[in-house]
């Protein structure tokens, strides 16, 4: 097997955390929290971490490895959503009193599920694409700027797709636009705050994994999963 087709321990660890973050974000999205004057979902706690990991993978191993992990995250998320729907459909035991709460968390409406999975795919791939292209254009410099700008692009696309698909017709357009803007701003601020940690993680992985890929002459076709 070619060396470039192998995956390292750091890549595997980041991939696992990436998938866990996506699954956890979907579950946490069921709670709405109040942060001062701003109302957001609890998924804000963990969802931005997936974009930070996306940045790390695209920076160290390149777009092709990011493509692999994005599709893996999508499949894991889809599996959990599907299993949740099956569990909700199964009849509850007569003595069990937790059905209402369980169904609220795991009974994700099909409209929300489609919106969430679609937005994740588009946003994640845009994030990885922008990160990859900017790295080549900047000759590997200005990681901080690349990480922030790729997140703005990815999170922006995510919000533009998710909120209209999930909530169009259920709230005024003005509130919908405000919600989209707030989500992008807060998630980007999250990345900026933890950026010093992200930089150290990337430097550490590059050193121990002896890898720093530049995506020159590659295909950005998101369906070429076998091309590692």
Protein backbone atom coordinates (compact mmCIF):
# COMPACT_ATOMS: atom_id res chain seq x y z
CA UNK A 1 0.00 0.00 0.00
CA UNK A 2 1.28 3.47 -0.87
CA UNK A 3 2.36 5.65 2.02
CA UNK A 4 -0.08 8.41 1.06
CA UNK A 5 -2.95 5.93 1.41
CA UNK A 6 -2.13 5.25 5.05
CA UNK A 7 -3.59 7.13 7.99
CA UNK A 8 -1.65 8.01 11.13
CA UNK A 9 -2.66 7.88 14.79
CA UNK A 10 -3.10 11.70 15.03
CA UNK A 11 -5.34 11.63 11.95
CA UNK A 12 -7.38 8.76 13.39
CA UNK A 13 -7.80 10.55 16.73
CA UNK A 14 -8.92 13.79 15.07
CA UNK A 15 -11.29 11.82 12.85
CA UNK A 16 -12.92 10.14 15.86
CA UNK A 17 -13.31 13.44 17.72
CA UNK A 18 -14.71 15.02 14.53
CA UNK A 19 -17.45 12.37 14.27
CA UNK A 20 -18.27 12.57 18.00
CA UNK A 21 -18.59 16.35 17.79
CA UNK A 22 -21.06 16.12 14.92
CA UNK A 23 -23.24 13.54 16.67
CA UNK A 24 -23.10 15.48 19.96
CA UNK A 25 -23.97 18.75 18.19
CA UNK A 26 -27.16 17.25 16.74
CA UNK A 27 -28.27 16.08 20.18
CA UNK A 28 -27.36 19.35 21.89
CA UNK A 29 -29.23 21.32 19.21
CA UNK A 30 -32.48 20.24 20.90
CA UNK A 31 -31.83 22.70 23.77
CA UNK A 32 -32.15 26.46 23.28
CA UNK A 33 -30.04 28.56 25.65
CA UNK A 34 -29.97 32.24 26.52
CA UNK A 35 -26.59 34.02 26.40
CA UNK A 36 -27.39 37.53 27.57
CA UNK A 37 -29.61 39.07 24.89
CA UNK A 38 -28.80 36.33 22.39
CA UNK A 39 -30.71 33.08 21.96
CA UNK A 40 -28.74 30.15 20.51
CA UNK A 41 -28.83 26.37 20.56
CA UNK A 42 -26.59 24.37 22.89
CA UNK A 43 -24.96 22.81 19.83
CA UNK A 44 -22.83 25.97 19.74
CA UNK A 45 -20.77 24.39 22.54
CA UNK A 46 -19.34 21.68 20.33
CA UNK A 47 -20.18 22.26 16.67
CA UNK A 48 -17.40 24.81 15.98
CA UNK A 49 -14.88 22.21 17.14
CA UNK A 50 -15.68 20.20 14.00
CA UNK A 51 -14.61 23.18 11.86
CA UNK A 52 -11.42 23.58 13.87
CA UNK A 53 -10.61 19.89 13.30
CA UNK A 54 -11.50 20.34 9.63
CA UNK A 55 -8.95 23.17 9.46
CA UNK A 56 -6.30 21.03 11.15
CA UNK A 57 -6.81 18.09 8.80
CA UNK A 58 -6.87 20.24 5.65
CA UNK A 59 -3.75 22.09 6.83
CA UNK A 60 -1.68 19.04 7.74
CA UNK A 61 -2.90 16.26 5.42
CA UNK A 62 -4.64 18.21 2.65
CA UNK A 63 -8.06 18.28 1.04
CA UNK A 64 -8.13 14.58 0.12
CA UNK A 65 -7.86 13.46 3.74
CA UNK A 66 -10.37 16.15 4.77
CA UNK A 67 -12.76 14.82 2.13
CA UNK A 68 -12.49 11.34 3.64
CA UNK A 69 -13.21 12.50 7.18
CA UNK A 70 -16.09 14.76 6.11
CA UNK A 71 -17.87 11.86 4.42
CA UNK A 72 -17.16 9.66 7.45
CA UNK A 73 -18.69 12.30 9.72
CA UNK A 74 -21.71 12.53 7.45
CA UNK A 75 -22.24 8.75 7.50
CA UNK A 76 -21.89 8.54 11.30
CA UNK A 77 -24.33 11.40 11.73
CA UNK A 78 -26.77 9.82 9.28
CA UNK A 79 -26.51 6.50 11.10
CA UNK A 80 -27.28 8.05 14.50
CA UNK A 81 -30.21 10.02 13.07
CA UNK A 82 -31.56 6.86 11.39
CA UNK A 83 -31.14 4.72 14.51
CA UNK A 84 -32.85 7.44 16.53
CA UNK A 85 -35.85 7.40 14.21
CA UNK A 86 -36.11 3.61 14.53
CA UNK A 87 -35.84 3.80 18.33
CA UNK A 88 -38.59 6.44 18.46
CA UNK A 89 -40.84 4.27 16.29
CA UNK A 90 -40.44 1.21 18.53
CA UNK A 91 -43.18 0.79 21.18
CA UNK A 92 -42.12 1.81 24.67
CA UNK A 93 -42.46 -0.48 27.67
CA UNK A 94 -45.64 0.19 29.66
CA UNK A 95 -43.70 1.03 32.84
CA UNK A 96 -41.20 3.42 31.21
CA UNK A 97 -41.91 7.11 31.84
CA UNK A 98 -39.20 8.73 29.73
CA UNK A 99 -40.71 8.40 26.26
CA UNK A 100 -41.65 12.04 25.81
CA UNK A 101 -38.16 13.29 26.65
CA UNK A 102 -36.49 10.57 24.58
CA UNK A 103 -38.64 11.31 21.55
CA UNK A 104 -37.95 15.03 21.90
CA UNK A 105 -34.17 14.47 21.72
CA UNK A 106 -33.97 11.64 19.21
CA UNK A 107 -37.13 12.19 17.17
CA UNK A 108 -35.48 14.68 14.85
CA UNK A 109 -38.02 15.92 12.30
CA UNK A 110 -37.14 14.82 8.75
CA UNK A 111 -37.01 18.46 7.65
CA UNK A 112 -34.45 19.29 10.37
CA UNK A 113 -32.43 16.15 9.63
CA UNK A 114 -32.21 16.93 5.90
CA UNK A 115 -31.32 20.56 6.60
CA UNK A 116 -28.65 19.60 9.13
CA UNK A 117 -26.95 16.94 7.02
CA UNK A 118 -27.06 19.04 3.83
CA UNK A 119 -25.68 22.12 5.56
CA UNK A 120 -22.91 20.10 7.20
CA UNK A 121 -21.74 18.61 3.91
CA UNK A 122 -21.69 21.89 2.00
CA UNK A 123 -20.20 23.94 4.84
CA UNK A 124 -17.48 21.40 5.65
CA UNK A 125 -16.38 20.99 2.05
CA UNK A 126 -16.28 24.76 1.48
CA UNK A 127 -14.25 25.15 4.66
CA UNK A 128 -11.72 22.51 3.54
CA UNK A 129 -11.60 23.87 -0.04
CA UNK A 130 -10.92 27.46 1.05
CA UNK A 131 -8.29 26.28 3.54
CA UNK A 132 -6.58 24.17 0.87
CA UNK A 133 -6.60 26.83 -1.85
CA UNK A 134 -5.40 29.59 0.47
CA UNK A 135 -2.53 27.44 1.74
CA UNK A 136 -1.23 26.90 -1.78
CA UNK A 137 -1.73 30.57 -2.70
CA UNK A 138 0.04 31.82 0.44
CA UNK A 139 2.80 29.18 0.29
CA UNK A 140 1.80 27.91 3.71
CA UNK A 141 1.92 31.28 5.45
CA UNK A 142 -0.72 33.10 7.50
CA UNK A 143 -2.40 30.04 9.04
CA UNK A 144 -4.45 32.19 11.42
CA UNK A 145 -6.00 34.21 8.59
CA UNK A 146 -6.66 31.07 6.57
CA UNK A 147 -8.31 29.30 9.51
CA UNK A 148 -10.60 32.25 10.25
CA UNK A 149 -11.57 33.00 6.63
CA UNK A 150 -12.25 29.35 5.82
CA UNK A 151 -14.46 29.13 8.90
CA UNK A 152 -16.40 32.25 7.91
CA UNK A 153 -16.96 30.74 4.45
CA UNK A 154 -17.92 27.31 5.78
CA UNK A 155 -20.10 28.53 8.64
CA UNK A 156 -21.73 31.08 6.35
CA UNK A 157 -22.67 28.40 3.82
CA UNK A 158 -23.85 26.12 6.65
CA UNK A 159 -26.17 28.79 8.05
CA UNK A 160 -27.45 29.90 4.64
CA UNK A 161 -28.51 26.32 3.91
CA UNK A 162 -29.62 25.06 7.35
CA UNK A 163 -31.83 27.84 8.68
CA UNK A 164 -33.97 28.45 5.56
CA UNK A 165 -34.44 24.70 5.04
CA UNK A 166 -35.24 24.08 8.70
CA UNK A 167 -37.25 27.16 9.67
CA UNK A 168 -38.52 28.95 6.55
CA UNK A 169 -42.21 29.66 7.06
CA UNK A 170 -41.97 29.07 10.80
CA UNK A 171 -40.57 32.49 11.75
CA UNK A 172 -40.37 35.98 10.22
CA UNK A 173 -37.65 36.46 7.60
CA UNK A 174 -36.03 39.22 9.67
CA UNK A 175 -35.64 36.89 12.67
CA UNK A 176 -34.34 34.13 10.43
CA UNK A 177 -31.66 36.40 8.98
CA UNK A 178 -30.72 37.64 12.44
CA UNK A 179 -30.39 34.06 13.71
CA UNK A 180 -28.16 33.14 10.76
CA UNK A 181 -25.89 36.14 11.30
CA UNK A 182 -25.59 35.57 15.05
CA UNK A 183 -24.66 31.91 14.55
CA UNK A 184 -21.89 32.77 12.06
CA UNK A 185 -20.50 35.53 14.28
CA UNK A 186 -20.50 33.44 17.46
CA UNK A 187 -19.00 30.34 15.81
CA UNK A 188 -16.28 32.42 14.17
CA UNK A 189 -15.56 34.16 17.47
CA UNK A 190 -15.28 30.71 19.05
CA UNK A 191 -12.57 29.77 16.53
CA UNK A 192 -10.69 33.03 17.08
CA UNK A 193 -10.67 32.49 20.85
CA UNK A 194 -9.24 28.97 20.61
CA UNK A 195 -6.93 29.83 17.70
CA UNK A 196 -3.76 29.80 19.88
CA UNK A 197 -4.57 26.20 20.84
CA UNK A 198 -5.31 25.27 17.21
CA UNK A 199 -1.96 26.69 16.08
CA UNK A 200 -0.07 24.66 18.69
CA UNK A 201 -1.97 21.48 17.79
CA UNK A 202 -1.20 21.92 14.08
CA UNK A 203 2.49 22.56 14.76
CA UNK A 204 2.68 19.53 17.04
CA UNK A 205 1.01 17.20 14.51
CA UNK A 206 3.21 18.42 11.66
CA UNK A 207 6.26 17.69 13.79
CA UNK A 208 5.31 14.24 15.08
CA UNK A 209 3.63 13.10 11.86
CA UNK A 210 6.27 14.65 9.60
CA UNK A 211 3.55 15.79 7.21
CA UNK A 212 2.65 19.12 5.62
CA UNK A 213 0.65 18.61 2.42
CA UNK A 214 0.18 21.22 -0.31
CA UNK A 215 -2.78 20.42 -2.56
CA UNK A 216 -1.23 21.00 -5.96
CA UNK A 217 -2.69 19.27 -9.03
CA UNK A 218 -5.42 17.41 -7.13
CA UNK A 219 -9.10 16.89 -7.84
CA UNK A 220 -11.54 18.76 -5.62
CA UNK A 221 -14.36 16.47 -6.68
CA UNK A 222 -16.07 15.67 -3.36
CA UNK A 223 -17.09 12.20 -4.61
CA UNK A 224 -13.53 10.92 -5.16
CA UNK A 225 -13.35 9.33 -1.72
CA UNK A 226 -10.93 6.59 -2.77
CA UNK A 227 -8.37 9.16 -3.85
CA UNK A 228 -6.38 9.66 -0.65
